[in-house]
Every structure is written in structure tokens, then in C-alpha cells.
Amino acid sequence: METNQFNNVISINPEIRFGKPCITGTRIAVSDVLQWLASGMTKEEIIEDFPEVTIESIHAVLAFAAKRDSM
């Protein structure tokens, strides 16, 4: 995934989750997905628990976090 492609999957809206970056169309924050992965959940487990999350959106979360960290 190109680093700018996450812009279609990750959005920031001050009205949703206090402006935290979220998966577009959900209230699932980038930090939520990162915490689930850090706690040991697999991508498949996340998708099973939260069907609105896709492999593409998980990859976008990781790309977003990596890009943000390098700024």
C-alpha cells in the first residue's frame, strides 16, 4: 500500500472519537487496532470481532502509524 493510500481508509473528524484518526465509516480508532495487535490479537481475530474492519484497513492503520511516527 502506498503511504498516501491510507487517506481513503483513515479519516479524522473532530465529531468522532474526539478527532482521533479512525477507520473511515466507523468509530474504530487507529490506536484501537494498534492496541489489539500489540496485545497479540491476529488480523483474523480483529476482523472476526469487528467485521467492519478489513485486511486493507488494518494495513492502512499500520501505514498511517508508520508515516506518522516518521514525521
PDB file of N, CA and C in Angstrom:
ATOM      1  N   MET A   1       0.853  -1.177   0.000  1.00  0.00           N
ATOM      2  CA  MET A   1       0.000   0.000   0.000  1.00  0.00           C
ATOM      3  C   MET A   1       0.892   1.231   0.000  1.00  0.00           C
ATOM      4  N   GLU A   2       0.665   2.134  -0.921  1.00  0.00           N
ATOM      5  CA  GLU A   2       1.394   3.393  -0.939  1.00  0.00           C
ATOM      6  C   GLU A   2       1.020   4.190   0.294  1.00  0.00           C
ATOM      7  N   THR A   3       1.948   4.993   0.768  1.00  0.00           N
ATOM      8  CA  THR A   3       1.690   5.706   2.020  1.00  0.00           C
ATOM      9  C   THR A   3       0.527   6.673   1.933  1.00  0.00           C
ATOM     10  N   ASN A   4       0.227   7.199   0.751  1.00  0.00           N
ATOM     11  CA  ASN A   4      -0.890   8.129   0.669  1.00  0.00           C
ATOM     12  C   ASN A   4      -2.227   7.432   0.457  1.00  0.00           C
ATOM     13  N   GLN A   5      -2.221   6.137   0.221  1.00  0.00           N
ATOM     14  CA  GLN A   5      -3.470   5.420   0.018  1.00  0.00           C
ATOM     15  C   GLN A   5      -4.273   5.269   1.303  1.00  0.00           C
ATOM     16  N   PHE A   6      -3.645   5.382   2.452  1.00  0.00           N
ATOM     17  CA  PHE A   6      -4.412   5.250   3.685  1.00  0.00           C
ATOM     18  C   PHE A   6      -5.363   6.416   3.876  1.00  0.00           C
ATOM     19  N   ASN A   7      -5.180   7.489   3.120  1.00  0.00           N
ATOM     20  CA  ASN A   7      -6.084   8.629   3.234  1.00  0.00           C
ATOM     21  C   ASN A   7      -7.518   8.260   2.892  1.00  0.00           C
ATOM     22  N   ASN A   8      -7.726   7.239   2.062  1.00  0.00           N
ATOM     23  CA  ASN A   8      -9.075   6.798   1.720  1.00  0.00           C
ATOM     24  C   ASN A   8      -9.677   5.908   2.804  1.00  0.00           C
ATOM     25  N   VAL A   9      -8.840   5.387   3.676  1.00  0.00           N
ATOM     26  CA  VAL A   9      -9.286   4.419   4.677  1.00  0.00           C
ATOM     27  C   VAL A   9      -9.279   5.016   6.083  1.00  0.00           C
ATOM     28  N   ILE A  10      -8.404   5.970   6.330  1.00  0.00           N
ATOM     29  CA  ILE A  10      -8.282   6.603   7.641  1.00  0.00           C
ATOM     30  C   ILE A  10      -8.773   8.041   7.528  1.00  0.00           C
ATOM     31  N   SER A  11      -9.620   8.445   8.454  1.00  0.00           N
ATOM     32  CA  SER A  11     -10.108   9.820   8.440  1.00  0.00           C
ATOM     33  C   SER A  11     -10.064  10.404   9.843  1.00  0.00           C
ATOM     34  N   ILE A  12     -10.009  11.719   9.877  1.00  0.00           N
ATOM     35  CA  ILE A  12     -10.007  12.446  11.148  1.00  0.00           C
ATOM     36  C   ILE A  12     -11.181  13.417  11.110  1.00  0.00           C
ATOM     37  N   ASN A  13     -12.086  13.229  12.067  1.00  0.00           N
ATOM     38  CA  ASN A  13     -13.274  14.067  12.160  1.00  0.00           C
ATOM     39  C   ASN A  13     -13.412  14.491  13.622  1.00  0.00           C
ATOM     40  N   PRO A  14     -13.384  15.777  13.893  1.00  0.00           N
ATOM     41  CA  PRO A  14     -13.474  16.228  15.284  1.00  0.00           C
ATOM     42  C   PRO A  14     -14.748  15.780  15.995  1.00  0.00           C
ATOM     43  N   GLU A  15     -15.763  15.387  15.233  1.00  0.00           N
ATOM     44  CA  GLU A  15     -17.036  14.939  15.808  1.00  0.00           C
ATOM     45  C   GLU A  15     -17.022  13.456  16.197  1.00  0.00           C
ATOM     46  N   ILE A  16     -15.982  12.731  15.771  1.00  0.00           N
ATOM     47  CA  ILE A  16     -15.907  11.286  16.030  1.00  0.00           C
ATOM     48  C   ILE A  16     -14.667  10.993  16.861  1.00  0.00           C
ATOM     49  N   ARG A  17     -14.875  10.364  18.005  1.00  0.00           N
ATOM     50  CA  ARG A  17     -13.791   9.960  18.907  1.00  0.00           C
ATOM     51  C   ARG A  17     -12.834  11.109  19.215  1.00  0.00           C
ATOM     52  N   PHE A  18     -13.397  12.308  19.387  1.00  0.00           N
ATOM     53  CA  PHE A  18     -12.619  13.494  19.759  1.00  0.00           C
ATOM     54  C   PHE A  18     -11.519  13.821  18.753  1.00  0.00           C
ATOM     55  N   GLY A  19     -11.751  13.474  17.488  1.00  0.00           N
ATOM     56  CA  GLY A  19     -10.793  13.803  16.439  1.00  0.00           C
ATOM     57  C   GLY A  19      -9.649  12.823  16.280  1.00  0.00           C
ATOM     58  N   LYS A  20      -9.745  11.675  16.948  1.00  0.00           N
ATOM     59  CA  LYS A  20      -8.709  10.652  16.758  1.00  0.00           C
ATOM     60  C   LYS A  20      -8.819  10.089  15.341  1.00  0.00           C
ATOM     61  N   PRO A  21      -7.690   9.728  14.731  1.00  0.00           N
ATOM     62  CA  PRO A  21      -7.756   9.077  13.418  1.00  0.00           C
ATOM     63  C   PRO A  21      -8.514   7.752  13.553  1.00  0.00           C
ATOM     64  N   CYS A  22      -9.501   7.554  12.668  1.00  0.00           N
ATOM     65  CA  CYS A  22     -10.343   6.355  12.707  1.00  0.00           C
ATOM     66  C   CYS A  22     -10.437   5.728  11.327  1.00  0.00           C
ATOM     67  N   ILE A  23     -10.820   4.467  11.309  1.00  0.00           N
ATOM     68  CA  ILE A  23     -11.140   3.814  10.052  1.00  0.00           C
ATOM     69  C   ILE A  23     -12.415   4.480   9.545  1.00  0.00           C
ATOM     70  N   THR A  24     -12.371   4.989   8.332  1.00  0.00           N
ATOM     71  CA  THR A  24     -13.481   5.737   7.755  1.00  0.00           C
ATOM     72  C   THR A  24     -14.772   4.925   7.813  1.00  0.00           C
ATOM     73  N   GLY A  25     -15.834   5.589   8.243  1.00  0.00           N
ATOM     74  CA  GLY A  25     -17.140   4.955   8.326  1.00  0.00           C
ATOM     75  C   GLY A  25     -17.363   4.165   9.602  1.00  0.00           C
ATOM     76  N   THR A  26     -16.390   4.207  10.507  1.00  0.00           N
ATOM     77  CA  THR A  26     -16.516   3.511  11.788  1.00  0.00           C
ATOM     78  C   THR A  26     -16.092   4.450  12.907  1.00  0.00           C
ATOM     79  N   ARG A  27     -16.236   3.974  14.118  1.00  0.00           N
ATOM     80  CA  ARG A  27     -15.715   4.688  15.283  1.00  0.00           C
ATOM     81  C   ARG A  27     -14.486   3.957  15.823  1.00  0.00           C
ATOM     82  N   ILE A  28     -13.896   3.108  15.001  1.00  0.00           N
ATOM     83  CA  ILE A  28     -12.714   2.340  15.407  1.00  0.00           C
ATOM     84  C   ILE A  28     -11.471   3.179  15.132  1.00  0.00           C
ATOM     85  N   ALA A  29     -10.786   3.536  16.211  1.00  0.00           N
ATOM     86  CA  ALA A  29      -9.612   4.399  16.102  1.00  0.00           C
ATOM     87  C   ALA A  29      -8.380   3.588  15.689  1.00  0.00           C
ATOM     88  N   VAL A  30      -7.464   4.296  15.035  1.00  0.00           N
ATOM     89  CA  VAL A  30      -6.173   3.702  14.680  1.00  0.00           C
ATOM     90  C   VAL A  30      -5.533   3.115  15.938  1.00  0.00           C
ATOM     91  N   SER A  31      -5.590   3.845  17.030  1.00  0.00           N
ATOM     92  CA  SER A  31      -4.979   3.370  18.277  1.00  0.00           C
ATOM     93  C   SER A  31      -5.640   2.095  18.789  1.00  0.00           C
ATOM     94  N   ASP A  32      -6.938   1.918  18.556  1.00  0.00           N
ATOM     95  CA  ASP A  32      -7.616   0.675  18.955  1.00  0.00           C
ATOM     96  C   ASP A  32      -6.977  -0.514  18.242  1.00  0.00           C
ATOM     97  N   VAL A  33      -6.850  -0.397  16.928  1.00  0.00           N
ATOM     98  CA  VAL A  33      -6.301  -1.503  16.131  1.00  0.00           C
ATOM     99  C   VAL A  33      -4.861  -1.776  16.544  1.00  0.00           C
ATOM    100  N   LEU A  34      -4.083  -0.732  16.749  1.00  0.00           N
ATOM    101  CA  LEU A  34      -2.692  -0.923  17.170  1.00  0.00           C
ATOM    102  C   LEU A  34      -2.616  -1.614  18.534  1.00  0.00           C
ATOM    103  N   GLN A  35      -3.501  -1.246  19.439  1.00  0.00           N
ATOM    104  CA  GLN A  35      -3.509  -1.886  20.760  1.00  0.00           C
ATOM    105  C   GLN A  35      -3.915  -3.353  20.656  1.00  0.00           C
ATOM    106  N   TRP A  36      -4.895  -3.663  19.799  1.00  0.00           N
ATOM    107  CA  TRP A  36      -5.302  -5.056  19.631  1.00  0.00           C
ATOM    108  C   TRP A  36      -4.154  -5.889  19.072  1.00  0.00           C
ATOM    109  N   LEU A  37      -3.474  -5.352  18.080  1.00  0.00           N
ATOM    110  CA  LEU A  37      -2.333  -6.079  17.509  1.00  0.00           C
ATOM    111  C   LEU A  37      -1.224  -6.239  18.543  1.00  0.00           C
ATOM    112  N   ALA A  38      -0.951  -5.182  19.308  1.00  0.00           N
ATOM    113  CA  ALA A  38       0.095  -5.239  20.332  1.00  0.00           C
ATOM    114  C   ALA A  38      -0.237  -6.228  21.437  1.00  0.00           C
ATOM    115  N   SER A  39      -1.532  -6.442  21.690  1.00  0.00           N
ATOM    116  CA  SER A  39      -1.934  -7.366  22.747  1.00  0.00           C
ATOM    117  C   SER A  39      -1.889  -8.826  22.271  1.00  0.00           C
ATOM    118  N   GLY A  40      -1.611  -9.005  20.977  1.00  0.00           N
ATOM    119  CA  GLY A  40      -1.477 -10.366  20.471  1.00  0.00           C
ATOM    120  C   GLY A  40      -2.612 -10.843  19.590  1.00  0.00           C
ATOM    121  N   MET A  41      -3.625 -10.002  19.393  1.00  0.00           N
ATOM    122  CA  MET A  41      -4.711 -10.411  18.501  1.00  0.00           C
ATOM    123  C   MET A  41      -4.176 -10.522  17.075  1.00  0.00           C
ATOM    124  N   THR A  42      -4.649 -11.507  16.361  1.00  0.00           N
ATOM    125  CA  THR A  42      -4.280 -11.630  14.958  1.00  0.00           C
ATOM    126  C   THR A  42      -5.206 -10.756  14.121  1.00  0.00           C
ATOM    127  N   LYS A  43      -4.793 -10.504  12.894  1.00  0.00           N
ATOM    128  CA  LYS A  43      -5.649  -9.747  11.977  1.00  0.00           C
ATOM    129  C   LYS A  43      -6.990 -10.449  11.813  1.00  0.00           C
ATOM    130  N   GLU A  44      -6.958 -11.766  11.726  1.00  0.00           N
ATOM    131  CA  GLU A  44      -8.180 -12.551  11.541  1.00  0.00           C
ATOM    132  C   GLU A  44      -9.106 -12.416  12.745  1.00  0.00           C
ATOM    133  N   GLU A  45      -8.545 -12.407  13.953  1.00  0.00           N
ATOM    134  CA  GLU A  45      -9.358 -12.246  15.167  1.00  0.00           C
ATOM    135  C   GLU A  45     -10.004 -10.864  15.213  1.00  0.00           C
ATOM    136  N   ILE A  46      -9.260  -9.854  14.816  1.00  0.00           N
ATOM    137  CA  ILE A  46      -9.814  -8.495  14.797  1.00  0.00           C
ATOM    138  C   ILE A  46     -10.984  -8.429  13.824  1.00  0.00           C
ATOM    139  N   ILE A  47     -10.791  -8.986  12.630  1.00  0.00           N
ATOM    140  CA  ILE A  47     -11.849  -8.968  11.613  1.00  0.00           C
ATOM    141  C   ILE A  47     -13.062  -9.769  12.074  1.00  0.00           C
ATOM    142  N   GLU A  48     -12.821 -10.872  12.767  1.00  0.00           N
ATOM    143  CA  GLU A  48     -13.929 -11.679  13.267  1.00  0.00           C
ATOM    144  C   GLU A  48     -14.726 -10.905  14.323  1.00  0.00           C
ATOM    145  N   ASP A  49     -14.025 -10.205  15.213  1.00  0.00           N
ATOM    146  CA  ASP A  49     -14.692  -9.443  16.273  1.00  0.00           C
ATOM    147  C   ASP A  49     -15.315  -8.136  15.759  1.00  0.00           C
ATOM    148  N   PHE A  50     -14.714  -7.570  14.727  1.00  0.00           N
ATOM    149  CA  PHE A  50     -15.160  -6.282  14.185  1.00  0.00           C
ATOM    150  C   PHE A  50     -15.249  -6.411  12.664  1.00  0.00           C
ATOM    151  N   PRO A  51     -16.356  -6.943  12.153  1.00  0.00           N
ATOM    152  CA  PRO A  51     -16.483  -7.230  10.716  1.00  0.00           C
ATOM    153  C   PRO A  51     -16.327  -6.021   9.804  1.00  0.00           C
ATOM    154  N   GLU A  52     -16.491  -4.811  10.343  1.00  0.00           N
ATOM    155  CA  GLU A  52     -16.312  -3.621   9.521  1.00  0.00           C
ATOM    156  C   GLU A  52     -14.836  -3.340   9.238  1.00  0.00           C
ATOM    157  N   VAL A  53     -13.943  -4.013   9.959  1.00  0.00           N
ATOM    158  CA  VAL A  53     -12.511  -3.896   9.725  1.00  0.00           C
ATOM    159  C   VAL A  53     -12.112  -4.923   8.660  1.00  0.00           C
ATOM    160  N   THR A  54     -11.274  -4.485   7.728  1.00  0.00           N
ATOM    161  CA  THR A  54     -10.795  -5.367   6.668  1.00  0.00           C
ATOM    162  C   THR A  54      -9.273  -5.467   6.739  1.00  0.00           C
ATOM    163  N   ILE A  55      -8.736  -6.416   6.002  1.00  0.00           N
ATOM    164  CA  ILE A  55      -7.276  -6.515   5.901  1.00  0.00           C
ATOM    165  C   ILE A  55      -6.715  -5.195   5.370  1.00  0.00           C
ATOM    166  N   GLU A  56      -7.382  -4.630   4.365  1.00  0.00           N
ATOM    167  CA  GLU A  56      -6.932  -3.350   3.802  1.00  0.00           C
ATOM    168  C   GLU A  56      -6.904  -2.266   4.882  1.00  0.00           C
ATOM    169  N   SER A  57      -7.937  -2.215   5.718  1.00  0.00           N
ATOM    170  CA  SER A  57      -7.961  -1.164   6.740  1.00  0.00           C
ATOM    171  C   SER A  57      -6.887  -1.398   7.806  1.00  0.00           C
ATOM    172  N   ILE A  58      -6.598  -2.648   8.133  1.00  0.00           N
ATOM    173  CA  ILE A  58      -5.517  -2.937   9.087  1.00  0.00           C
ATOM    174  C   ILE A  58      -4.179  -2.502   8.492  1.00  0.00           C
ATOM    175  N   HIS A  59      -3.960  -2.793   7.218  1.00  0.00           N
ATOM    176  CA  HIS A  59      -2.728  -2.355   6.564  1.00  0.00           C
ATOM    177  C   HIS A  59      -2.651  -0.832   6.510  1.00  0.00           C
ATOM    178  N   ALA A  60      -3.783  -0.181   6.292  1.00  0.00           N
ATOM    179  CA  ALA A  60      -3.815   1.279   6.283  1.00  0.00           C
ATOM    180  C   ALA A  60      -3.470   1.843   7.663  1.00  0.00           C
ATOM    181  N   VAL A  61      -3.979   1.209   8.709  1.00  0.00           N
ATOM    182  CA  VAL A  61      -3.656   1.623  10.080  1.00  0.00           C
ATOM    183  C   VAL A  61      -2.151   1.543  10.306  1.00  0.00           C
ATOM    184  N   LEU A  62      -1.548   0.446   9.894  1.00  0.00           N
ATOM    185  CA  LEU A  62      -0.103   0.272  10.086  1.00  0.00           C
ATOM    186  C   LEU A  62       0.690   1.297   9.270  1.00  0.00           C
ATOM    187  N   ALA A  63       0.275   1.532   8.031  1.00  0.00           N
ATOM    188  CA  ALA A  63       0.953   2.521   7.192  1.00  0.00           C
ATOM    189  C   ALA A  63       0.798   3.923   7.767  1.00  0.00           C
ATOM    190  N   PHE A  64      -0.394   4.233   8.247  1.00  0.00           N
ATOM    191  CA  PHE A  64      -0.665   5.534   8.855  1.00  0.00           C
ATOM    192  C   PHE A  64       0.224   5.740  10.073  1.00  0.00           C
ATOM    193  N   ALA A  65       0.287   4.731  10.925  1.00  0.00           N
ATOM    194  CA  ALA A  65       1.097   4.835  12.143  1.00  0.00           C
ATOM    195  C   ALA A  65       2.574   4.967  11.806  1.00  0.00           C
ATOM    196  N   ALA A  66       3.039   4.231  10.833  1.00  0.00           N
ATOM    197  CA  ALA A  66       4.444   4.300  10.434  1.00  0.00           C
ATOM    198  C   ALA A  66       4.770   5.681   9.857  1.00  0.00           C
ATOM    199  N   LYS A  67       3.881   6.180   9.033  1.00  0.00           N
ATOM    200  CA  LYS A  67       4.091   7.506   8.436  1.00  0.00           C
ATOM    201  C   LYS A  67       4.079   8.586   9.506  1.00  0.00           C
ATOM    202  N   ARG A  68       3.145   8.480  10.412  1.00  0.00           N
ATOM    203  CA  ARG A  68       3.005   9.481  11.484  1.00  0.00           C
ATOM    204  C   ARG A  68       4.226   9.466  12.392  1.00  0.00           C
ATOM    205  N   ASP A  69       4.771   8.264  12.629  1.00  0.00           N
ATOM    206  CA  ASP A  69       5.932   8.127  13.501  1.00  0.00           C
ATOM    207  C   ASP A  69       7.172   8.734  12.856  1.00  0.00           C
ATOM    208  N   SER A  70       7.230   8.720  11.526  1.00  0.00           N
ATOM    209  CA  SER A  70       8.422   9.226  10.841  1.00  0.00           C
ATOM    210  C   SER A  70       8.381  10.733  10.635  1.00  0.00           C
ATOM    211  N   MET A  71       7.311  11.377  11.044  1.00  0.00           N
ATOM    212  CA  MET A  71       7.196  12.828  10.843  1.00  0.00           C
ATOM    213  C   MET A  71       7.895  13.580  11.943  1.00  0.00           C
TER     214      MET A  71
END
